[in-house]
Amino acid sequence: MVSSGTFARERVVWAARHGVRLVDRALLERWAAGEDLAVLLDLGLDHAQSDAS
């Protein structure tokens, strides 16, 4: 789930229980700055590269 703001604690708890990944403003900013989304979401993908194009 993506938000341009933040998530309330209840939403974070719900997401954790249901395996839903949350992307908030801070994470969006890091992704836009060039960080690899797979790394930011801690997907554990060995082949993920921060400089992928």
C-alpha atoms as a PDB file:
ATOM      1  CA  MET A   1       0.000   0.000   0.000  1.00  0.00           C
ATOM      2  CA  VAL A   2       1.341   3.428  -0.893  1.00  0.00           C
ATOM      3  CA  SER A   3       0.685   6.738   0.852  1.00  0.00           C
ATOM      4  CA  SER A   4       2.091  10.185   0.230  1.00  0.00           C
ATOM      5  CA  GLY A   5       1.847  10.690   3.986  1.00  0.00           C
ATOM      6  CA  THR A   6       2.299   8.344   6.905  1.00  0.00           C
ATOM      7  CA  PHE A   7       0.410   5.357   8.274  1.00  0.00           C
ATOM      8  CA  ALA A   8      -1.363   5.211  11.617  1.00  0.00           C
ATOM      9  CA  ARG A   9      -0.038   2.636  14.081  1.00  0.00           C
ATOM     10  CA  GLU A  10      -3.191   0.541  13.681  1.00  0.00           C
ATOM     11  CA  ARG A  11      -2.578   0.333   9.931  1.00  0.00           C
ATOM     12  CA  VAL A  12       1.050  -0.672  10.467  1.00  0.00           C
ATOM     13  CA  VAL A  13      -0.001  -3.443  12.837  1.00  0.00           C
ATOM     14  CA  TRP A  14      -2.698  -4.643  10.421  1.00  0.00           C
ATOM     15  CA  ALA A  15      -0.251  -4.640   7.500  1.00  0.00           C
ATOM     16  CA  ALA A  16       2.311  -6.639   9.460  1.00  0.00           C
ATOM     17  CA  ARG A  17      -0.298  -9.259  10.361  1.00  0.00           C
ATOM     18  CA  HIS A  18      -1.454  -9.602   6.770  1.00  0.00           C
ATOM     19  CA  GLY A  19       1.870  -9.452   4.949  1.00  0.00           C
ATOM     20  CA  VAL A  20       1.117  -6.094   3.350  1.00  0.00           C
ATOM     21  CA  ARG A  21       4.070  -3.833   2.623  1.00  0.00           C
ATOM     22  CA  LEU A  22       3.614  -0.156   3.369  1.00  0.00           C
ATOM     23  CA  VAL A  23       5.358   2.574   1.400  1.00  0.00           C
ATOM     24  CA  ASP A  24       5.103   5.979   3.044  1.00  0.00           C
ATOM     25  CA  ARG A  25       6.375   9.411   2.044  1.00  0.00           C
ATOM     26  CA  ALA A  26       9.866   8.824   3.472  1.00  0.00           C
ATOM     27  CA  LEU A  27      10.245   5.558   1.558  1.00  0.00           C
ATOM     28  CA  LEU A  28       8.916   7.169  -1.624  1.00  0.00           C
ATOM     29  CA  GLU A  29      11.499   9.931  -1.276  1.00  0.00           C
ATOM     30  CA  ARG A  30      14.329   7.422  -0.880  1.00  0.00           C
ATOM     31  CA  TRP A  31      13.075   5.438  -3.881  1.00  0.00           C
ATOM     32  CA  ALA A  32      12.830   8.629  -5.964  1.00  0.00           C
ATOM     33  CA  ALA A  33      16.391   9.501  -4.937  1.00  0.00           C
ATOM     34  CA  GLY A  34      17.580   6.289  -6.579  1.00  0.00           C
ATOM     35  CA  GLU A  35      17.571   3.634  -3.883  1.00  0.00           C
ATOM     36  CA  ASP A  36      16.482   0.186  -5.023  1.00  0.00           C
ATOM     37  CA  LEU A  37      12.874  -0.543  -4.048  1.00  0.00           C
ATOM     38  CA  ALA A  38      13.602  -4.231  -3.437  1.00  0.00           C
ATOM     39  CA  VAL A  39      16.275  -3.222  -0.929  1.00  0.00           C
ATOM     40  CA  LEU A  40      14.045  -0.602   0.697  1.00  0.00           C
ATOM     41  CA  LEU A  41      11.282  -3.177   1.129  1.00  0.00           C
ATOM     42  CA  ASP A  42      13.796  -5.769   2.350  1.00  0.00           C
ATOM     43  CA  LEU A  43      12.568  -8.293  -0.195  1.00  0.00           C
ATOM     44  CA  GLY A  44      15.711 -10.370   0.162  1.00  0.00           C
ATOM     45  CA  LEU A  45      16.332 -10.541  -3.562  1.00  0.00           C
ATOM     46  CA  ASP A  46      19.976 -11.506  -4.050  1.00  0.00           C
ATOM     47  CA  HIS A  47      19.954 -10.168  -7.599  1.00  0.00           C
ATOM     48  CA  ALA A  48      18.627  -6.706  -6.679  1.00  0.00           C
ATOM     49  CA  GLN A  49      21.077  -3.966  -7.575  1.00  0.00           C
ATOM     50  CA  SER A  50      20.994  -0.375  -6.405  1.00  0.00           C
ATOM     51  CA  ASP A  51      22.141   0.841  -9.837  1.00  0.00           C
ATOM     52  CA  ALA A  52      19.763  -1.223 -11.966  1.00  0.00           C
ATOM     53  CA  SER A  53      18.409   0.561 -15.020  1.00  0.00           C
END
